[in-house]
Amino acid sequence: MESISFVGAKTGRTFYRFEMPEEEYCAVHDEGAGACVRCGIEVVCGIEPDAERYECESCGERGVYGLEQLLIMGRITFVEGVE
């Protein structure tokens, strides 16, 4: 999963969105994966798919969201897998 930063229009804060092949999404989905939209570094396993604003162990912000929630929020973009 690759993270890409962008600046929120309303807040001016930096957030991250993620790009991954659909195959990778399916593989990590079963592990209860999620990621931090505040630092883009922390990828966690063992959380609910609809988790919102969990505390990130890397940056301390409440920016960890479950994988399905990130998809609903438009923070995951599917890209072509590496052959």
PDB file of N, CA and C in Angstrom:
ATOM      1  N   MET A   1       0.846  -1.158   0.000  1.00  0.00           N
ATOM      2  CA  MET A   1       0.000   0.000   0.000  1.00  0.00           C
ATOM      3  C   MET A   1       0.903   1.235   0.000  1.00  0.00           C
ATOM      4  N   GLU A   2       0.695   2.097  -0.952  1.00  0.00           N
ATOM      5  CA  GLU A   2       1.485   3.321  -1.070  1.00  0.00           C
ATOM      6  C   GLU A   2       0.627   4.496  -0.614  1.00  0.00           C
ATOM      7  N   SER A   3       1.204   5.394   0.185  1.00  0.00           N
ATOM      8  CA  SER A   3       0.457   6.562   0.641  1.00  0.00           C
ATOM      9  C   SER A   3       0.852   7.792  -0.161  1.00  0.00           C
ATOM     10  N   ILE A   4      -0.131   8.668  -0.404  1.00  0.00           N
ATOM     11  CA  ILE A   4       0.066   9.898  -1.155  1.00  0.00           C
ATOM     12  C   ILE A   4      -0.571  11.021  -0.356  1.00  0.00           C
ATOM     13  N   SER A   5       0.181  12.088  -0.093  1.00  0.00           N
ATOM     14  CA  SER A   5      -0.341  13.170   0.735  1.00  0.00           C
ATOM     15  C   SER A   5      -1.146  14.178  -0.075  1.00  0.00           C
ATOM     16  N   PHE A   6      -2.068  14.845   0.613  1.00  0.00           N
ATOM     17  CA  PHE A   6      -2.814  15.966   0.048  1.00  0.00           C
ATOM     18  C   PHE A   6      -3.209  16.863   1.207  1.00  0.00           C
ATOM     19  N   VAL A   7      -3.521  18.107   0.899  1.00  0.00           N
ATOM     20  CA  VAL A   7      -3.892  19.078   1.923  1.00  0.00           C
ATOM     21  C   VAL A   7      -5.400  19.248   1.905  1.00  0.00           C
ATOM     22  N   GLY A   8      -6.018  19.122   3.069  1.00  0.00           N
ATOM     23  CA  GLY A   8      -7.466  19.297   3.180  1.00  0.00           C
ATOM     24  C   GLY A   8      -7.858  20.733   2.884  1.00  0.00           C
ATOM     25  N   ALA A   9      -8.852  20.930   2.051  1.00  0.00           N
ATOM     26  CA  ALA A   9      -9.263  22.270   1.622  1.00  0.00           C
ATOM     27  C   ALA A   9      -9.805  23.111   2.774  1.00  0.00           C
ATOM     28  N   LYS A  10     -10.563  22.520   3.645  1.00  0.00           N
ATOM     29  CA  LYS A  10     -11.181  23.279   4.735  1.00  0.00           C
ATOM     30  C   LYS A  10     -10.226  23.534   5.890  1.00  0.00           C
ATOM     31  N   THR A  11      -9.383  22.562   6.204  1.00  0.00           N
ATOM     32  CA  THR A  11      -8.541  22.668   7.395  1.00  0.00           C
ATOM     33  C   THR A  11      -7.110  23.087   7.096  1.00  0.00           C
ATOM     34  N   GLY A  12      -6.631  22.838   5.903  1.00  0.00           N
ATOM     35  CA  GLY A  12      -5.238  23.110   5.577  1.00  0.00           C
ATOM     36  C   GLY A  12      -4.279  22.085   6.155  1.00  0.00           C
ATOM     37  N   ARG A  13      -4.798  21.038   6.785  1.00  0.00           N
ATOM     38  CA  ARG A  13      -3.966  19.980   7.360  1.00  0.00           C
ATOM     39  C   ARG A  13      -3.621  18.952   6.292  1.00  0.00           C
ATOM     40  N   THR A  14      -2.504  18.295   6.470  1.00  0.00           N
ATOM     41  CA  THR A  14      -2.078  17.253   5.536  1.00  0.00           C
ATOM     42  C   THR A  14      -2.745  15.936   5.906  1.00  0.00           C
ATOM     43  N   PHE A  15      -3.304  15.275   4.900  1.00  0.00           N
ATOM     44  CA  PHE A  15      -3.904  13.963   5.051  1.00  0.00           C
ATOM     45  C   PHE A  15      -3.288  13.047   4.004  1.00  0.00           C
ATOM     46  N   TYR A  16      -3.532  11.758   4.134  1.00  0.00           N
ATOM     47  CA  TYR A  16      -3.006  10.789   3.182  1.00  0.00           C
ATOM     48  C   TYR A  16      -4.131   9.954   2.605  1.00  0.00           C
ATOM     49  N   ARG A  17      -3.952   9.588   1.346  1.00  0.00           N
ATOM     50  CA  ARG A  17      -4.812   8.602   0.708  1.00  0.00           C
ATOM     51  C   ARG A  17      -3.890   7.481   0.255  1.00  0.00           C
ATOM     52  N   PHE A  18      -4.455   6.371  -0.122  1.00  0.00           N
ATOM     53  CA  PHE A  18      -3.655   5.178  -0.378  1.00  0.00           C
ATOM     54  C   PHE A  18      -3.976   4.581  -1.731  1.00  0.00           C
ATOM     55  N   GLU A  19      -2.942   4.055  -2.381  1.00  0.00           N
ATOM     56  CA  GLU A  19      -3.095   3.348  -3.647  1.00  0.00           C
ATOM     57  C   GLU A  19      -2.632   1.917  -3.447  1.00  0.00           C
ATOM     58  N   MET A  20      -3.409   0.982  -4.004  1.00  0.00           N
ATOM     59  CA  MET A  20      -3.042  -0.428  -3.892  1.00  0.00           C
ATOM     60  C   MET A  20      -3.747  -1.218  -4.980  1.00  0.00           C
ATOM     61  N   PRO A  21      -3.151  -2.323  -5.384  1.00  0.00           N
ATOM     62  CA  PRO A  21      -3.844  -3.223  -6.317  1.00  0.00           C
ATOM     63  C   PRO A  21      -5.049  -3.854  -5.612  1.00  0.00           C
ATOM     64  N   GLU A  22      -6.059  -4.166  -6.368  1.00  0.00           N
ATOM     65  CA  GLU A  22      -7.258  -4.778  -5.801  1.00  0.00           C
ATOM     66  C   GLU A  22      -6.938  -6.106  -5.124  1.00  0.00           C
ATOM     67  N   GLU A  23      -5.974  -6.838  -5.664  1.00  0.00           N
ATOM     68  CA  GLU A  23      -5.581  -8.114  -5.070  1.00  0.00           C
ATOM     69  C   GLU A  23      -5.018  -7.908  -3.663  1.00  0.00           C
ATOM     70  N   GLU A  24      -4.231  -6.858  -3.479  1.00  0.00           N
ATOM     71  CA  GLU A  24      -3.663  -6.562  -2.162  1.00  0.00           C
ATOM     72  C   GLU A  24      -4.781  -6.183  -1.186  1.00  0.00           C
ATOM     73  N   TYR A  25      -5.745  -5.405  -1.667  1.00  0.00           N
ATOM     74  CA  TYR A  25      -6.894  -5.026  -0.828  1.00  0.00           C
ATOM     75  C   TYR A  25      -7.603  -6.278  -0.316  1.00  0.00           C
ATOM     76  N   CYS A  26      -7.871  -7.209  -1.209  1.00  0.00           N
ATOM     77  CA  CYS A  26      -8.550  -8.448  -0.821  1.00  0.00           C
ATOM     78  C   CYS A  26      -7.729  -9.248   0.181  1.00  0.00           C
ATOM     79  N   ALA A  27      -6.421  -9.281   0.004  1.00  0.00           N
ATOM     80  CA  ALA A  27      -5.548 -10.051   0.890  1.00  0.00           C
ATOM     81  C   ALA A  27      -5.492  -9.451   2.294  1.00  0.00           C
ATOM     82  N   VAL A  28      -5.334  -8.133   2.408  1.00  0.00           N
ATOM     83  CA  VAL A  28      -5.211  -7.510   3.732  1.00  0.00           C
ATOM     84  C   VAL A  28      -6.567  -7.265   4.383  1.00  0.00           C
ATOM     85  N   HIS A  29      -7.627  -7.265   3.593  1.00  0.00           N
ATOM     86  CA  HIS A  29      -8.967  -7.063   4.137  1.00  0.00           C
ATOM     87  C   HIS A  29      -9.311  -8.135   5.164  1.00  0.00           C
ATOM     88  N   ASP A  30      -8.937  -9.364   4.886  1.00  0.00           N
ATOM     89  CA  ASP A  30      -9.241 -10.476   5.783  1.00  0.00           C
ATOM     90  C   ASP A  30      -8.465 -10.403   7.093  1.00  0.00           C
ATOM     91  N   GLU A  31      -7.407  -9.613   7.133  1.00  0.00           N
ATOM     92  CA  GLU A  31      -6.598  -9.458   8.347  1.00  0.00           C
ATOM     93  C   GLU A  31      -7.098  -8.325   9.231  1.00  0.00           C
ATOM     94  N   GLY A  32      -8.168  -7.649   8.819  1.00  0.00           N
ATOM     95  CA  GLY A  32      -8.667  -6.520   9.594  1.00  0.00           C
ATOM     96  C   GLY A  32      -7.730  -5.336   9.521  1.00  0.00           C
ATOM     97  N   ALA A  33      -7.294  -4.998   8.320  1.00  0.00           N
ATOM     98  CA  ALA A  33      -6.308  -3.941   8.142  1.00  0.00           C
ATOM     99  C   ALA A  33      -6.934  -2.557   8.170  1.00  0.00           C
ATOM    100  N   GLY A  34      -6.092  -1.589   8.456  1.00  0.00           N
ATOM    101  CA  GLY A  34      -6.461  -0.189   8.437  1.00  0.00           C
ATOM    102  C   GLY A  34      -5.205   0.636   8.288  1.00  0.00           C
ATOM    103  N   ALA A  35      -5.361   1.952   8.183  1.00  0.00           N
ATOM    104  CA  ALA A  35      -4.200   2.814   8.011  1.00  0.00           C
ATOM    105  C   ALA A  35      -4.489   4.184   8.597  1.00  0.00           C
ATOM    106  N   CYS A  36      -3.428   4.932   8.864  1.00  0.00           N
ATOM    107  CA  CYS A  36      -3.533   6.272   9.433  1.00  0.00           C
ATOM    108  C   CYS A  36      -3.534   7.319   8.320  1.00  0.00           C
ATOM    109  N   VAL A  37      -4.583   8.134   8.270  1.00  0.00           N
ATOM    110  CA  VAL A  37      -4.671   9.188   7.253  1.00  0.00           C
ATOM    111  C   VAL A  37      -3.902  10.435   7.666  1.00  0.00           C
ATOM    112  N   ARG A  38      -3.420  10.495   8.901  1.00  0.00           N
ATOM    113  CA  ARG A  38      -2.673  11.656   9.383  1.00  0.00           C
ATOM    114  C   ARG A  38      -1.178  11.541   9.088  1.00  0.00           C
ATOM    115  N   CYS A  39      -0.581  10.343   9.232  1.00  0.00           N
ATOM    116  CA  CYS A  39       0.860  10.215   8.989  1.00  0.00           C
ATOM    117  C   CYS A  39       1.165   9.396   7.739  1.00  0.00           C
ATOM    118  N   GLY A  40       0.233   8.559   7.295  1.00  0.00           N
ATOM    119  CA  GLY A  40       0.454   7.742   6.111  1.00  0.00           C
ATOM    120  C   GLY A  40       1.448   6.622   6.309  1.00  0.00           C
ATOM    121  N   ILE A  41       1.954   6.479   7.513  1.00  0.00           N
ATOM    122  CA  ILE A  41       2.982   5.471   7.802  1.00  0.00           C
ATOM    123  C   ILE A  41       2.375   4.225   8.413  1.00  0.00           C
ATOM    124  N   GLU A  42       1.540   4.410   9.404  1.00  0.00           N
ATOM    125  CA  GLU A  42       1.043   3.301  10.196  1.00  0.00           C
ATOM    126  C   GLU A  42      -0.027   2.510   9.458  1.00  0.00           C
ATOM    127  N   VAL A  43       0.257   1.249   9.218  1.00  0.00           N
ATOM    128  CA  VAL A  43      -0.720   0.294   8.691  1.00  0.00           C
ATOM    129  C   VAL A  43      -0.915  -0.725   9.797  1.00  0.00           C
ATOM    130  N   VAL A  44      -2.147  -0.895  10.220  1.00  0.00           N
ATOM    131  CA  VAL A  44      -2.434  -1.766  11.359  1.00  0.00           C
ATOM    132  C   VAL A  44      -3.284  -2.948  10.932  1.00  0.00           C
ATOM    133  N   CYS A  45      -3.233  -4.014  11.707  1.00  0.00           N
ATOM    134  CA  CYS A  45      -4.062  -5.192  11.477  1.00  0.00           C
ATOM    135  C   CYS A  45      -4.842  -5.472  12.752  1.00  0.00           C
ATOM    136  N   GLY A  46      -5.957  -6.154  12.591  1.00  0.00           N
ATOM    137  CA  GLY A  46      -6.745  -6.545  13.746  1.00  0.00           C
ATOM    138  C   GLY A  46      -7.747  -5.505  14.203  1.00  0.00           C
ATOM    139  N   ILE A  47      -8.173  -4.598  13.313  1.00  0.00           N
ATOM    140  CA  ILE A  47      -9.207  -3.642  13.680  1.00  0.00           C
ATOM    141  C   ILE A  47     -10.451  -3.884  12.830  1.00  0.00           C
ATOM    142  N   GLU A  48     -11.548  -3.317  13.265  1.00  0.00           N
ATOM    143  CA  GLU A  48     -12.800  -3.482  12.541  1.00  0.00           C
ATOM    144  C   GLU A  48     -12.728  -2.773  11.191  1.00  0.00           C
ATOM    145  N   PRO A  49     -13.391  -3.297  10.179  1.00  0.00           N
ATOM    146  CA  PRO A  49     -13.368  -2.669   8.854  1.00  0.00           C
ATOM    147  C   PRO A  49     -13.959  -1.263   8.848  1.00  0.00           C
ATOM    148  N   ASP A  50     -14.880  -0.985   9.795  1.00  0.00           N
ATOM    149  CA  ASP A  50     -15.510   0.333   9.838  1.00  0.00           C
ATOM    150  C   ASP A  50     -14.936   1.225  10.941  1.00  0.00           C
ATOM    151  N   ALA A  51     -13.738   0.902  11.424  1.00  0.00           N
ATOM    152  CA  ALA A  51     -13.101   1.684  12.484  1.00  0.00           C
ATOM    153  C   ALA A  51     -12.891   3.119  12.026  1.00  0.00           C
ATOM    154  N   GLU A  52     -13.075   4.056  12.952  1.00  0.00           N
ATOM    155  CA  GLU A  52     -12.878   5.476  12.662  1.00  0.00           C
ATOM    156  C   GLU A  52     -12.137   6.145  13.806  1.00  0.00           C
ATOM    157  N   ARG A  53     -11.137   6.937  13.469  1.00  0.00           N
ATOM    158  CA  ARG A  53     -10.421   7.796  14.405  1.00  0.00           C
ATOM    159  C   ARG A  53      -9.786   7.046  15.579  1.00  0.00           C
ATOM    160  N   TYR A  54      -9.213   5.885  15.300  1.00  0.00           N
ATOM    161  CA  TYR A  54      -8.445   5.189  16.324  1.00  0.00           C
ATOM    162  C   TYR A  54      -7.107   5.902  16.465  1.00  0.00           C
ATOM    163  N   GLU A  55      -6.497   5.808  17.635  1.00  0.00           N
ATOM    164  CA  GLU A  55      -5.215   6.465  17.866  1.00  0.00           C
ATOM    165  C   GLU A  55      -4.094   5.722  17.142  1.00  0.00           C
ATOM    166  N   CYS A  56      -3.256   6.473  16.467  1.00  0.00           N
ATOM    167  CA  CYS A  56      -2.119   5.916  15.732  1.00  0.00           C
ATOM    168  C   CYS A  56      -0.921   5.786  16.667  1.00  0.00           C
ATOM    169  N   GLU A  57      -0.288   4.632  16.661  1.00  0.00           N
ATOM    170  CA  GLU A  57       0.876   4.411  17.508  1.00  0.00           C
ATOM    171  C   GLU A  57       2.110   5.151  17.000  1.00  0.00           C
ATOM    172  N   SER A  58       2.145   5.523  15.715  1.00  0.00           N
ATOM    173  CA  SER A  58       3.302   6.226  15.155  1.00  0.00           C
ATOM    174  C   SER A  58       3.264   7.723  15.423  1.00  0.00           C
ATOM    175  N   CYS A  59       2.120   8.357  15.141  1.00  0.00           N
ATOM    176  CA  CYS A  59       2.058   9.820  15.248  1.00  0.00           C
ATOM    177  C   CYS A  59       1.243  10.319  16.432  1.00  0.00           C
ATOM    178  N   GLY A  60       0.465   9.435  17.067  1.00  0.00           N
ATOM    179  CA  GLY A  60      -0.336   9.827  18.214  1.00  0.00           C
ATOM    180  C   GLY A  60      -1.662  10.493  17.869  1.00  0.00           C
ATOM    181  N   GLU A  61      -1.897  10.773  16.593  1.00  0.00           N
ATOM    182  CA  GLU A  61      -3.152  11.384  16.156  1.00  0.00           C
ATOM    183  C   GLU A  61      -4.251  10.329  16.096  1.00  0.00           C
ATOM    184  N   ARG A  62      -5.486  10.766  16.128  1.00  0.00           N
ATOM    185  CA  ARG A  62      -6.626   9.859  16.006  1.00  0.00           C
ATOM    186  C   ARG A  62      -7.013   9.787  14.531  1.00  0.00           C
ATOM    187  N   GLY A  63      -6.153   9.125  13.744  1.00  0.00           N
ATOM    188  CA  GLY A  63      -6.340   9.085  12.302  1.00  0.00           C
ATOM    189  C   GLY A  63      -6.379   7.708  11.682  1.00  0.00           C
ATOM    190  N   VAL A  64      -6.491   6.652  12.495  1.00  0.00           N
ATOM    191  CA  VAL A  64      -6.524   5.294  11.958  1.00  0.00           C
ATOM    192  C   VAL A  64      -7.966   4.925  11.613  1.00  0.00           C
ATOM    193  N   TYR A  65      -8.157   4.496  10.374  1.00  0.00           N
ATOM    194  CA  TYR A  65      -9.460   4.075   9.881  1.00  0.00           C
ATOM    195  C   TYR A  65      -9.344   2.659   9.339  1.00  0.00           C
ATOM    196  N   GLY A  66     -10.426   1.897   9.441  1.00  0.00           N
ATOM    197  CA  GLY A  66     -10.471   0.560   8.874  1.00  0.00           C
ATOM    198  C   GLY A  66     -10.465   0.620   7.357  1.00  0.00           C
ATOM    199  N   LEU A  67     -10.069  -0.474   6.735  1.00  0.00           N
ATOM    200  CA  LEU A  67      -9.908  -0.526   5.282  1.00  0.00           C
ATOM    201  C   LEU A  67     -11.205  -0.208   4.534  1.00  0.00           C
ATOM    202  N   GLU A  68     -12.315  -0.789   4.967  1.00  0.00           N
ATOM    203  CA  GLU A  68     -13.584  -0.522   4.289  1.00  0.00           C
ATOM    204  C   GLU A  68     -14.007   0.927   4.468  1.00  0.00           C
ATOM    205  N   GLN A  69     -13.752   1.481   5.642  1.00  0.00           N
ATOM    206  CA  GLN A  69     -14.099   2.883   5.887  1.00  0.00           C
ATOM    207  C   GLN A  69     -13.272   3.796   4.986  1.00  0.00           C
ATOM    208  N   LEU A  70     -11.990   3.482   4.804  1.00  0.00           N
ATOM    209  CA  LEU A  70     -11.150   4.266   3.900  1.00  0.00           C
ATOM    210  C   LEU A  70     -11.675   4.199   2.470  1.00  0.00           C
ATOM    211  N   LEU A  71     -12.145   3.036   2.070  1.00  0.00           N
ATOM    212  CA  LEU A  71     -12.698   2.869   0.728  1.00  0.00           C
ATOM    213  C   LEU A  71     -13.966   3.718   0.564  1.00  0.00           C
ATOM    214  N   ILE A  72     -14.839   3.687   1.549  1.00  0.00           N
ATOM    215  CA  ILE A  72     -16.065   4.494   1.516  1.00  0.00           C
ATOM    216  C   ILE A  72     -15.737   5.982   1.471  1.00  0.00           C
ATOM    217  N   MET A  73     -14.702   6.394   2.196  1.00  0.00           N
ATOM    218  CA  MET A  73     -14.305   7.800   2.250  1.00  0.00           C
ATOM    219  C   MET A  73     -13.593   8.257   0.978  1.00  0.00           C
ATOM    220  N   GLY A  74     -13.296   7.334   0.084  1.00  0.00           N
ATOM    221  CA  GLY A  74     -12.579   7.695  -1.132  1.00  0.00           C
ATOM    222  C   GLY A  74     -11.088   7.869  -0.927  1.00  0.00           C
ATOM    223  N   ARG A  75     -10.552   7.279   0.131  1.00  0.00           N
ATOM    224  CA  ARG A  75      -9.126   7.409   0.439  1.00  0.00           C
ATOM    225  C   ARG A  75      -8.305   6.247  -0.090  1.00  0.00           C
ATOM    226  N   ILE A  76      -8.952   5.291  -0.771  1.00  0.00           N
ATOM    227  CA  ILE A  76      -8.236   4.188  -1.409  1.00  0.00           C
ATOM    228  C   ILE A  76      -8.531   4.216  -2.890  1.00  0.00           C
ATOM    229  N   THR A  77      -7.462   4.171  -3.677  1.00  0.00           N
ATOM    230  CA  THR A  77      -7.590   4.093  -5.130  1.00  0.00           C
ATOM    231  C   THR A  77      -6.941   2.790  -5.561  1.00  0.00           C
ATOM    232  N   PHE A  78      -7.652   2.047  -6.391  1.00  0.00           N
ATOM    233  CA  PHE A  78      -7.085   0.808  -6.917  1.00  0.00           C
ATOM    234  C   PHE A  78      -6.232   1.111  -8.141  1.00  0.00           C
ATOM    235  N   VAL A  79      -5.057   0.491  -8.168  1.00  0.00           N
ATOM    236  CA  VAL A  79      -4.129   0.651  -9.291  1.00  0.00           C
ATOM    237  C   VAL A  79      -3.837  -0.736  -9.855  1.00  0.00           C
ATOM    238  N   GLU A  80      -3.244  -0.762 -11.023  1.00  0.00           N
ATOM    239  CA  GLU A  80      -2.848  -2.035 -11.643  1.00  0.00           C
ATOM    240  C   GLU A  80      -1.775  -2.682 -10.804  1.00  0.00           C
ATOM    241  N   GLY A  81      -1.874  -4.000 -10.606  1.00  0.00           N
ATOM    242  CA  GLY A  81      -0.884  -4.746  -9.857  1.00  0.00           C
ATOM    243  C   GLY A  81       0.414  -4.881 -10.620  1.00  0.00           C
ATOM    244  N   VAL A  82       1.488  -5.121  -9.878  1.00  0.00           N
ATOM    245  CA  VAL A  82       2.797  -5.322 -10.476  1.00  0.00           C
ATOM    246  C   VAL A  82       2.854  -6.746 -11.009  1.00  0.00           C
ATOM    247  N   GLU A  83       3.220  -6.897 -12.251  1.00  0.00           N
ATOM    248  CA  GLU A  83       3.285  -8.220 -12.884  1.00  0.00           C
ATOM    249  C   GLU A  83       4.550  -8.930 -12.473  1.00  0.00           C
TER     250      GLU A  83
END
